[in-house]
Amino acid sequence: MDSELILKNNLKEKRIKKGLSQEELAKLVGTTRQTIISIEKNLFNPSAKLALLLCTALDEKFENLFYF
């Protein structure tokens, strides 16, 4: 397989819909604002644990938040 799978996300849209800042979301899931920024810009793929924490914090199913 030549092409690399890139995990995309709707994190920014879902975060804004919940009325959370990047800093607030970061605190909820135990990470930094810089990590949230990197995920939102598709520069960093979260670990499975962090992805599930983000889903829980935003009250979203994994497949509604992350996609290929």
N, C-alpha and C. Protein backbone atom coordinates (compact mmCIF):
# COMPACT_ATOMS: atom_id res chain seq x y z
N MET A 1 0.84 -1.17 0.00
CA MET A 1 0.00 0.00 0.00
C MET A 1 0.89 1.24 0.00
N ASP A 2 0.83 2.00 -1.06
CA ASP A 2 1.70 3.16 -1.20
C ASP A 2 1.25 4.36 -0.40
N SER A 3 -0.06 4.58 -0.34
CA SER A 3 -0.54 5.78 0.36
C SER A 3 -0.67 5.53 1.85
N GLU A 4 -0.30 6.53 2.61
CA GLU A 4 -0.37 6.46 4.07
C GLU A 4 -1.77 6.88 4.51
N LEU A 5 -2.37 6.11 5.42
CA LEU A 5 -3.68 6.47 5.95
C LEU A 5 -3.51 7.64 6.91
N ILE A 6 -4.28 8.66 6.68
CA ILE A 6 -4.22 9.84 7.54
C ILE A 6 -5.53 9.94 8.30
N LEU A 7 -5.44 9.89 9.61
CA LEU A 7 -6.62 10.01 10.46
C LEU A 7 -7.03 11.47 10.52
N LYS A 8 -8.21 11.77 10.01
CA LYS A 8 -8.73 13.14 10.03
C LYS A 8 -9.73 13.25 11.17
N ASN A 9 -10.13 14.48 11.48
CA ASN A 9 -11.05 14.64 12.60
C ASN A 9 -11.92 15.88 12.46
N ASN A 10 -12.98 15.88 13.23
CA ASN A 10 -13.90 17.01 13.34
C ASN A 10 -13.75 17.66 14.72
N LEU A 11 -12.59 17.53 15.31
CA LEU A 11 -12.38 17.95 16.69
C LEU A 11 -12.71 19.43 16.90
N LYS A 12 -12.20 20.30 16.04
CA LYS A 12 -12.43 21.73 16.23
C LYS A 12 -13.92 22.08 16.18
N GLU A 13 -14.62 21.53 15.20
CA GLU A 13 -16.05 21.82 15.06
C GLU A 13 -16.83 21.32 16.27
N LYS A 14 -16.53 20.11 16.72
CA LYS A 14 -17.24 19.53 17.86
C LYS A 14 -16.91 20.27 19.16
N ARG A 15 -15.64 20.69 19.30
CA ARG A 15 -15.22 21.44 20.48
C ARG A 15 -15.94 22.78 20.55
N ILE A 16 -16.01 23.48 19.43
CA ILE A 16 -16.69 24.78 19.38
C ILE A 16 -18.18 24.60 19.66
N LYS A 17 -18.76 23.55 19.09
CA LYS A 17 -20.19 23.27 19.31
C LYS A 17 -20.48 23.06 20.80
N LYS A 18 -19.54 22.48 21.53
CA LYS A 18 -19.69 22.26 22.97
C LYS A 18 -19.36 23.50 23.78
N GLY A 19 -18.84 24.55 23.11
CA GLY A 19 -18.50 25.78 23.81
C GLY A 19 -17.23 25.70 24.63
N LEU A 20 -16.31 24.83 24.20
CA LEU A 20 -15.05 24.66 24.93
C LEU A 20 -13.89 25.32 24.19
N SER A 21 -12.99 25.91 24.95
CA SER A 21 -11.75 26.42 24.36
C SER A 21 -10.78 25.25 24.23
N GLN A 22 -9.71 25.46 23.50
CA GLN A 22 -8.68 24.43 23.38
C GLN A 22 -8.10 24.11 24.76
N GLU A 23 -7.90 25.14 25.56
CA GLU A 23 -7.34 24.96 26.90
C GLU A 23 -8.29 24.15 27.79
N GLU A 24 -9.58 24.47 27.73
CA GLU A 24 -10.56 23.74 28.55
C GLU A 24 -10.63 22.27 28.16
N LEU A 25 -10.64 21.99 26.86
CA LEU A 25 -10.67 20.61 26.40
C LEU A 25 -9.40 19.87 26.82
N ALA A 26 -8.28 20.54 26.69
CA ALA A 26 -7.00 19.94 27.08
C ALA A 26 -7.03 19.53 28.56
N LYS A 27 -7.53 20.41 29.41
CA LYS A 27 -7.60 20.10 30.84
C LYS A 27 -8.54 18.94 31.12
N LEU A 28 -9.65 18.88 30.39
CA LEU A 28 -10.61 17.79 30.58
C LEU A 28 -10.01 16.42 30.28
N VAL A 29 -9.13 16.37 29.29
CA VAL A 29 -8.56 15.09 28.87
C VAL A 29 -7.13 14.86 29.35
N GLY A 30 -6.58 15.81 30.08
CA GLY A 30 -5.25 15.63 30.66
C GLY A 30 -4.10 15.79 29.68
N THR A 31 -4.22 16.76 28.79
CA THR A 31 -3.14 17.02 27.84
C THR A 31 -2.92 18.53 27.75
N THR A 32 -2.15 18.96 26.79
CA THR A 32 -1.85 20.39 26.64
C THR A 32 -2.66 21.00 25.50
N ARG A 33 -2.76 22.31 25.53
CA ARG A 33 -3.43 23.03 24.46
C ARG A 33 -2.70 22.81 23.14
N GLN A 34 -1.38 22.72 23.19
CA GLN A 34 -0.59 22.50 21.98
C GLN A 34 -0.93 21.16 21.33
N THR A 35 -1.21 20.15 22.16
CA THR A 35 -1.60 18.84 21.62
C THR A 35 -2.95 18.94 20.92
N ILE A 36 -3.89 19.66 21.53
CA ILE A 36 -5.21 19.84 20.91
C ILE A 36 -5.05 20.57 19.58
N ILE A 37 -4.23 21.60 19.54
CA ILE A 37 -3.98 22.33 18.30
C ILE A 37 -3.42 21.39 17.23
N SER A 38 -2.44 20.58 17.60
CA SER A 38 -1.81 19.66 16.65
C SER A 38 -2.80 18.64 16.12
N ILE A 39 -3.68 18.15 16.97
CA ILE A 39 -4.69 17.18 16.52
C ILE A 39 -5.67 17.87 15.57
N GLU A 40 -6.14 19.06 15.95
CA GLU A 40 -7.10 19.79 15.11
C GLU A 40 -6.52 20.10 13.73
N LYS A 41 -5.23 20.33 13.65
CA LYS A 41 -4.58 20.64 12.37
C LYS A 41 -4.09 19.39 11.65
N ASN A 42 -4.44 18.21 12.16
CA ASN A 42 -4.03 16.93 11.58
C ASN A 42 -2.50 16.78 11.51
N LEU A 43 -1.81 17.38 12.46
CA LEU A 43 -0.35 17.24 12.53
C LEU A 43 0.06 16.11 13.46
N PHE A 44 -0.89 15.64 14.28
CA PHE A 44 -0.61 14.63 15.30
C PHE A 44 -1.82 13.72 15.41
N ASN A 45 -1.57 12.42 15.40
CA ASN A 45 -2.63 11.44 15.64
C ASN A 45 -2.62 11.08 17.12
N PRO A 46 -3.75 11.22 17.78
CA PRO A 46 -3.80 10.89 19.21
C PRO A 46 -3.69 9.39 19.43
N SER A 47 -3.21 9.04 20.61
CA SER A 47 -3.21 7.63 20.99
C SER A 47 -4.66 7.17 21.11
N ALA A 48 -4.86 5.87 21.17
CA ALA A 48 -6.22 5.33 21.33
C ALA A 48 -6.84 5.86 22.61
N LYS A 49 -6.05 5.92 23.68
CA LYS A 49 -6.56 6.41 24.96
C LYS A 49 -6.99 7.87 24.87
N LEU A 50 -6.15 8.71 24.27
CA LEU A 50 -6.49 10.12 24.15
C LEU A 50 -7.69 10.31 23.23
N ALA A 51 -7.77 9.56 22.16
CA ALA A 51 -8.91 9.66 21.24
C ALA A 51 -10.21 9.32 21.98
N LEU A 52 -10.18 8.28 22.80
CA LEU A 52 -11.38 7.90 23.56
C LEU A 52 -11.72 8.94 24.63
N LEU A 53 -10.71 9.53 25.25
CA LEU A 53 -10.96 10.60 26.22
C LEU A 53 -11.59 11.82 25.54
N LEU A 54 -11.14 12.13 24.35
CA LEU A 54 -11.71 13.24 23.59
C LEU A 54 -13.17 12.95 23.24
N CYS A 55 -13.44 11.72 22.82
CA CYS A 55 -14.82 11.32 22.50
C CYS A 55 -15.72 11.46 23.72
N THR A 56 -15.23 11.03 24.87
CA THR A 56 -16.00 11.11 26.11
C THR A 56 -16.23 12.57 26.50
N ALA A 57 -15.18 13.38 26.44
CA ALA A 57 -15.29 14.79 26.83
C ALA A 57 -16.26 15.55 25.94
N LEU A 58 -16.31 15.17 24.65
CA LEU A 58 -17.18 15.87 23.71
C LEU A 58 -18.51 15.15 23.50
N ASP A 59 -18.69 14.04 24.20
CA ASP A 59 -19.92 13.25 24.11
C ASP A 59 -20.22 12.86 22.66
N GLU A 60 -19.18 12.34 22.00
CA GLU A 60 -19.28 11.94 20.60
C GLU A 60 -18.78 10.51 20.43
N LYS A 61 -19.35 9.79 19.48
CA LYS A 61 -18.84 8.48 19.11
C LYS A 61 -17.55 8.67 18.34
N PHE A 62 -16.67 7.67 18.44
CA PHE A 62 -15.38 7.75 17.75
C PHE A 62 -15.57 8.05 16.26
N GLU A 63 -16.49 7.33 15.62
CA GLU A 63 -16.66 7.49 14.17
C GLU A 63 -17.26 8.84 13.78
N ASN A 64 -17.82 9.58 14.75
CA ASN A 64 -18.32 10.93 14.47
C ASN A 64 -17.23 11.98 14.66
N LEU A 65 -16.16 11.61 15.34
CA LEU A 65 -15.09 12.55 15.63
C LEU A 65 -13.87 12.32 14.75
N PHE A 66 -13.58 11.06 14.45
CA PHE A 66 -12.39 10.70 13.66
C PHE A 66 -12.80 9.90 12.43
N TYR A 67 -12.09 10.11 11.33
CA TYR A 67 -12.39 9.39 10.09
C TYR A 67 -11.14 9.38 9.20
N PHE A 68 -11.18 8.52 8.17
CA PHE A 68 -10.07 8.44 7.19
C PHE A 68 -10.49 9.08 5.90
